[in-house]
């Protein structure tokens, strides 16, 4: 069996929560790694990293956020703590601890989970991490909230995605962007993303940083437009968590898709240092 065949996902699975279901899939065998995307993203944002990890001997679970991808849109609350709770429930269902990889908002959620339930988290890989609120003017916050209003969020996000992918674009950027926009054009998913974006507050993650004991890898694109100074933010996160920092050149907010040839080896090097026994 080839690595590509091993990495082919089976049927979508669902984690049942009180207000709806969370979609995920499982590939490979070996120590567990759970990949969680950022808001507006699909679990296929890890489409290049997943086969690398599976071929290296890991069980890889990719999951959608609540209200995103193939998950239900019936949830009434969204944000870092809610995502942390979903990841924890998923690990309970899977029955063993994992290294949790979180992009953007999901990085903050991973921090909260590691502080709340350290027995579930063998390590953290934080990609383009929001583990504290970025400094912004009230006018910019208002503008962002207007941009993600449900009525035009699909068109606005389609226009904004090239900016978030500053630098080298994923080789299938046009196809992936079309898939994201198609989801956002569904009114229920557009509303869920809008609510997620308007609810985004990472102060709850920042308050828990000192409680995290798990090993940490911080991966940041050198051109990440979500941060005024990406290198400085990555260094701050790394220092706060006692972690290692890898800066990815010519990449924006999604280095796992933009520069997988650099991100993949960095993640594998980190995983080789993490205790993976159950």
Protein backbone atom coordinates (compact mmCIF):
# COMPACT_ATOMS: atom_id res chain seq x y z
CA UNK A 1 0.00 0.00 0.00
CA UNK A 2 1.42 3.40 -0.97
CA UNK A 3 1.54 6.46 1.27
CA UNK A 4 -1.13 8.08 -0.89
CA UNK A 5 -3.43 5.11 -0.40
CA UNK A 6 -2.85 5.09 3.34
CA UNK A 7 -3.69 8.79 3.49
CA UNK A 8 -7.02 8.45 1.69
CA UNK A 9 -9.73 9.25 4.26
CA UNK A 10 -12.67 6.95 4.85
CA UNK A 11 -16.21 8.08 5.49
CA UNK A 12 -16.65 11.26 7.50
CA UNK A 13 -17.21 10.54 11.17
CA UNK A 14 -19.19 12.68 13.60
CA UNK A 15 -18.68 13.59 17.23
CA UNK A 16 -22.07 14.16 18.85
CA UNK A 17 -22.24 17.19 21.13
CA UNK A 18 -25.23 18.70 22.97
CA UNK A 19 -26.09 21.18 20.20
CA UNK A 20 -24.84 19.39 17.10
CA UNK A 21 -22.18 17.24 15.49
CA UNK A 22 -18.50 17.86 14.78
CA UNK A 23 -17.13 16.30 11.58
CA UNK A 24 -13.77 14.55 11.53
CA UNK A 25 -11.85 11.84 9.72
CA UNK A 26 -9.15 9.39 10.69
CA UNK A 27 -6.20 8.19 8.63
CA UNK A 28 -3.13 6.07 9.32
CA UNK A 29 -1.91 4.11 12.31
CA UNK A 30 0.42 4.99 15.17
CA UNK A 31 0.61 7.80 17.74
CA UNK A 32 -2.27 10.25 17.51
CA UNK A 33 -2.05 13.74 15.99
CA UNK A 34 -5.18 15.91 15.79
CA UNK A 35 -5.24 18.74 13.24
CA UNK A 36 -7.66 21.63 13.86
CA UNK A 37 -8.13 24.47 11.32
CA UNK A 38 -8.85 28.13 11.91
CA UNK A 39 -12.15 29.91 11.42
CA UNK A 40 -13.63 29.91 7.91
CA UNK A 41 -11.24 27.09 7.04
CA UNK A 42 -11.97 23.47 6.21
CA UNK A 43 -10.21 20.47 7.69
CA UNK A 44 -8.72 19.99 4.22
CA UNK A 45 -6.50 22.99 5.00
CA UNK A 46 -4.18 20.21 6.25
CA UNK A 47 -4.39 18.32 2.94
CA UNK A 48 -0.61 18.53 2.40
CA UNK A 49 0.49 17.91 5.98
CA UNK A 50 -1.75 14.89 6.58
CA UNK A 51 -0.14 12.46 4.11
CA UNK A 52 3.33 13.39 5.37
CA UNK A 53 2.34 12.52 8.94
CA UNK A 54 0.52 9.33 7.93
CA UNK A 55 3.52 8.15 5.90
CA UNK A 56 5.75 8.81 8.93
CA UNK A 57 3.67 6.44 11.07
CA UNK A 58 1.07 8.59 12.81
CA UNK A 59 -2.68 8.32 13.16
CA UNK A 60 -3.96 11.64 11.87
CA UNK A 61 -7.37 13.05 12.74
CA UNK A 62 -8.53 16.16 10.93
CA UNK A 63 -11.59 17.91 12.29
CA UNK A 64 -13.79 20.81 11.26
CA UNK A 65 -14.73 23.54 13.70
CA UNK A 66 -18.32 23.70 14.87
CA UNK A 67 -20.40 25.47 12.23
CA UNK A 68 -17.73 24.88 9.59
CA UNK A 69 -17.04 22.34 6.85
CA UNK A 70 -19.12 19.22 7.42
CA UNK A 71 -19.95 20.05 11.04
CA UNK A 72 -23.45 21.15 12.00
CA UNK A 73 -24.52 24.80 12.14
CA UNK A 74 -26.92 24.28 15.04
CA UNK A 75 -24.52 25.52 17.73
CA UNK A 76 -25.42 28.71 19.58
CA UNK A 77 -21.93 29.66 20.81
CA UNK A 78 -18.51 29.74 19.17
CA UNK A 79 -14.95 30.69 20.09
CA UNK A 80 -11.76 29.48 21.76
CA UNK A 81 -13.29 27.84 24.88
CA UNK A 82 -15.99 26.11 22.84
CA UNK A 83 -13.41 24.78 20.37
CA UNK A 84 -11.23 23.58 23.26
CA UNK A 85 -14.23 21.70 24.65
CA UNK A 86 -14.89 20.11 21.25
CA UNK A 87 -11.28 18.95 20.88
CA UNK A 88 -11.34 17.50 24.38
CA UNK A 89 -14.58 15.63 23.66
CA UNK A 90 -13.07 14.30 20.44
CA UNK A 91 -10.02 12.97 22.29
CA UNK A 92 -12.33 11.37 24.84
CA UNK A 93 -14.15 9.64 22.00
CA UNK A 94 -10.86 8.51 20.44
CA UNK A 95 -9.77 7.21 23.83
CA UNK A 96 -6.17 8.41 23.96
CA UNK A 97 -4.03 11.54 24.20
CA UNK A 98 -2.64 13.35 21.18
CA UNK A 99 -0.39 16.04 19.88
CA UNK A 100 -2.81 18.83 18.95
CA UNK A 101 -2.05 21.03 15.94
CA UNK A 102 -4.07 24.24 15.91
CA UNK A 103 -4.10 27.01 13.32
CA UNK A 104 -5.15 30.58 14.16
CA UNK A 105 -8.14 30.51 16.55
CA UNK A 106 -7.63 26.77 17.08
CA UNK A 107 -4.18 27.51 18.53
CA UNK A 108 -5.81 29.46 21.36
CA UNK A 109 -8.27 26.61 21.85
CA UNK A 110 -5.40 24.11 22.02
CA UNK A 111 -3.73 26.18 24.75
CA UNK A 112 -6.93 26.18 26.81
CA UNK A 113 -7.30 22.42 26.40
CA UNK A 114 -3.68 21.80 27.42
CA UNK A 115 -4.24 23.88 30.56
CA UNK A 116 -7.63 22.34 31.39
CA UNK A 117 -6.86 18.71 30.60
CA UNK A 118 -3.10 18.15 30.43
CA UNK A 119 -3.55 14.38 30.44
CA UNK A 120 -5.01 14.62 26.92
CA UNK A 121 -2.26 16.71 25.33
CA UNK A 122 1.17 15.24 24.54
CA UNK A 123 2.28 18.37 22.73
CA UNK A 124 1.10 21.46 20.87
CA UNK A 125 1.89 22.71 17.38
CA UNK A 126 0.58 26.26 17.09
CA UNK A 127 0.42 27.59 13.52
CA UNK A 128 -0.19 31.31 12.97
CA UNK A 129 -1.36 31.30 16.58
CA UNK A 130 -3.87 33.62 18.16
CA UNK A 131 -3.22 33.02 21.85
CA UNK A 132 -3.87 36.65 22.76
CA UNK A 133 -5.85 39.45 21.20
CA UNK A 134 -3.97 41.38 18.55
CA UNK A 135 -3.66 45.11 19.05
CA UNK A 136 -6.13 46.90 16.82
CA UNK A 137 -7.98 50.18 16.67
CA UNK A 138 -11.74 50.26 17.32
CA UNK A 139 -12.23 51.32 13.71
CA UNK A 140 -10.47 48.21 12.38
CA UNK A 141 -12.54 45.95 14.62
CA UNK A 142 -15.73 47.55 13.36
CA UNK A 143 -14.55 47.19 9.77
CA UNK A 144 -13.77 43.49 10.27
CA UNK A 145 -17.15 42.83 11.85
CA UNK A 146 -18.81 44.56 8.90
CA UNK A 147 -16.76 42.47 6.46
CA UNK A 148 -17.95 39.20 7.98
CA UNK A 149 -21.65 40.12 8.06
CA UNK A 150 -23.61 37.06 6.83
CA UNK A 151 -25.11 38.84 3.83
CA UNK A 152 -21.79 39.29 2.01
CA UNK A 153 -19.32 37.19 3.99
CA UNK A 154 -18.70 34.74 1.12
CA UNK A 155 -17.71 37.48 -1.32
CA UNK A 156 -15.68 39.35 1.30
CA UNK A 157 -13.75 36.25 2.38
CA UNK A 158 -13.10 35.25 -1.24
CA UNK A 159 -11.45 38.63 -1.76
CA UNK A 160 -9.54 38.45 1.54
CA UNK A 161 -8.11 34.93 1.23
CA UNK A 162 -5.27 35.93 -1.16
CA UNK A 163 -4.11 38.40 1.49
CA UNK A 164 -4.11 35.73 4.20
CA UNK A 165 -2.09 33.53 1.84
CA UNK A 166 0.57 36.21 1.38
CA UNK A 167 3.68 34.91 -0.32
CA UNK A 168 3.66 31.52 -1.99
CA UNK A 169 0.10 30.37 -2.70
CA UNK A 170 -0.89 26.73 -2.26
CA UNK A 171 -0.58 24.90 -5.56
CA UNK A 172 -4.34 24.32 -5.56
CA UNK A 173 -5.28 27.72 -4.15
CA UNK A 174 -8.05 28.42 -6.67
CA UNK A 175 -9.76 25.08 -6.02
CA UNK A 176 -9.43 25.34 -2.24
CA UNK A 177 -10.72 28.92 -2.17
CA UNK A 178 -13.70 27.85 -4.27
CA UNK A 179 -14.50 25.10 -1.75
CA UNK A 180 -14.34 27.54 1.18
CA UNK A 181 -16.50 30.10 -0.59
CA UNK A 182 -19.04 27.47 -1.60
CA UNK A 183 -19.53 26.61 2.07
CA UNK A 184 -19.85 30.25 3.08
CA UNK A 185 -22.51 30.82 0.42
CA UNK A 186 -24.74 28.45 2.36
CA UNK A 187 -26.65 30.83 4.64
CA UNK A 188 -26.37 28.65 7.72
CA UNK A 189 -22.59 28.27 7.34
CA UNK A 190 -22.19 31.96 6.56
CA UNK A 191 -24.02 32.83 9.77
CA UNK A 192 -21.93 30.36 11.79
CA UNK A 193 -18.67 31.82 10.49
CA UNK A 194 -19.92 35.36 11.09
CA UNK A 195 -20.80 34.45 14.67
CA UNK A 196 -17.41 32.78 15.15
CA UNK A 197 -15.58 35.84 13.86
CA UNK A 198 -17.61 38.25 15.98
CA UNK A 199 -17.13 36.08 19.06
CA UNK A 200 -13.38 35.69 18.62
CA UNK A 201 -11.70 36.71 21.86
CA UNK A 202 -8.37 35.16 22.76
CA UNK A 203 -8.02 36.65 26.24
CA UNK A 204 -9.20 33.34 27.69
CA UNK A 205 -6.24 31.62 26.02
CA UNK A 206 -3.74 34.23 27.16
CA UNK A 207 -4.84 33.78 30.77
CA UNK A 208 -3.97 30.06 30.60
CA UNK A 209 -0.52 30.25 28.99
CA UNK A 210 1.38 29.87 32.25
CA UNK A 211 -0.53 26.65 33.02
CA UNK A 212 0.64 24.77 29.92
CA UNK A 213 3.31 22.15 30.59
CA UNK A 214 3.22 20.34 27.25
CA UNK A 215 6.07 20.79 24.74
CA UNK A 216 5.26 23.42 22.13
CA UNK A 217 6.24 24.20 18.56
CA UNK A 218 5.26 27.60 17.16
CA UNK A 219 5.09 27.84 13.35
CA UNK A 220 4.62 31.29 11.84
CA UNK A 221 4.68 32.52 8.27
CA UNK A 222 7.11 35.39 7.86
CA UNK A 223 4.44 37.31 5.91
CA UNK A 224 1.46 36.50 8.12
CA UNK A 225 -0.76 39.57 7.65
CA UNK A 226 -2.73 38.96 10.85
CA UNK A 227 0.21 40.22 12.91
CA UNK A 228 1.97 43.57 12.71
CA UNK A 229 5.30 41.83 13.34
CA UNK A 230 4.94 38.06 12.82
CA UNK A 231 8.45 37.26 14.05
CA UNK A 232 7.96 39.26 17.25
CA UNK A 233 4.61 37.60 17.92
CA UNK A 234 6.03 34.13 17.34
CA UNK A 235 8.94 34.90 19.68
CA UNK A 236 6.51 36.14 22.36
CA UNK A 237 4.37 33.00 22.09
CA UNK A 238 7.44 30.78 22.14
CA UNK A 239 8.81 32.49 25.23
CA UNK A 240 5.45 32.43 27.03
CA UNK A 241 5.13 28.68 26.47
CA UNK A 242 8.78 27.68 26.60
CA UNK A 243 8.49 26.44 23.03
CA UNK A 244 10.51 26.25 19.84
CA UNK A 245 9.80 28.73 17.05
CA UNK A 246 10.01 28.04 13.32
CA UNK A 247 9.56 30.95 10.91
CA UNK A 248 8.44 29.91 7.42
CA UNK A 249 9.68 32.20 4.64
CA UNK A 250 7.35 33.49 1.92
CA UNK A 251 4.25 32.26 3.75
CA UNK A 252 1.27 33.98 5.33
CA UNK A 253 -1.34 32.65 7.76
CA UNK A 254 -1.40 29.07 6.41
CA UNK A 255 2.19 27.80 6.09
CA UNK A 256 0.95 24.20 6.32
CA UNK A 257 -0.67 24.67 2.90
CA UNK A 258 1.57 27.37 1.44
CA UNK A 259 4.98 25.86 2.22
CA UNK A 260 4.31 22.21 3.14
CA UNK A 261 7.83 21.24 2.09
CA UNK A 262 9.11 23.32 5.02
CA UNK A 263 6.27 22.95 7.51
CA UNK A 264 6.03 19.17 7.24
CA UNK A 265 9.65 18.45 8.23
CA UNK A 266 9.45 21.00 11.05
CA UNK A 267 6.39 19.27 12.50
CA UNK A 268 7.97 15.81 12.10
CA UNK A 269 11.15 16.97 13.86
CA UNK A 270 9.03 18.22 16.76
CA UNK A 271 6.95 15.04 16.92
CA UNK A 272 10.12 12.96 17.16
CA UNK A 273 10.86 14.68 20.50
CA UNK A 274 7.39 14.20 22.02
CA UNK A 275 6.43 11.31 24.29
CA UNK A 276 3.72 9.42 22.40
CA UNK A 277 2.88 6.48 24.67
CA UNK A 278 -0.71 6.34 25.88
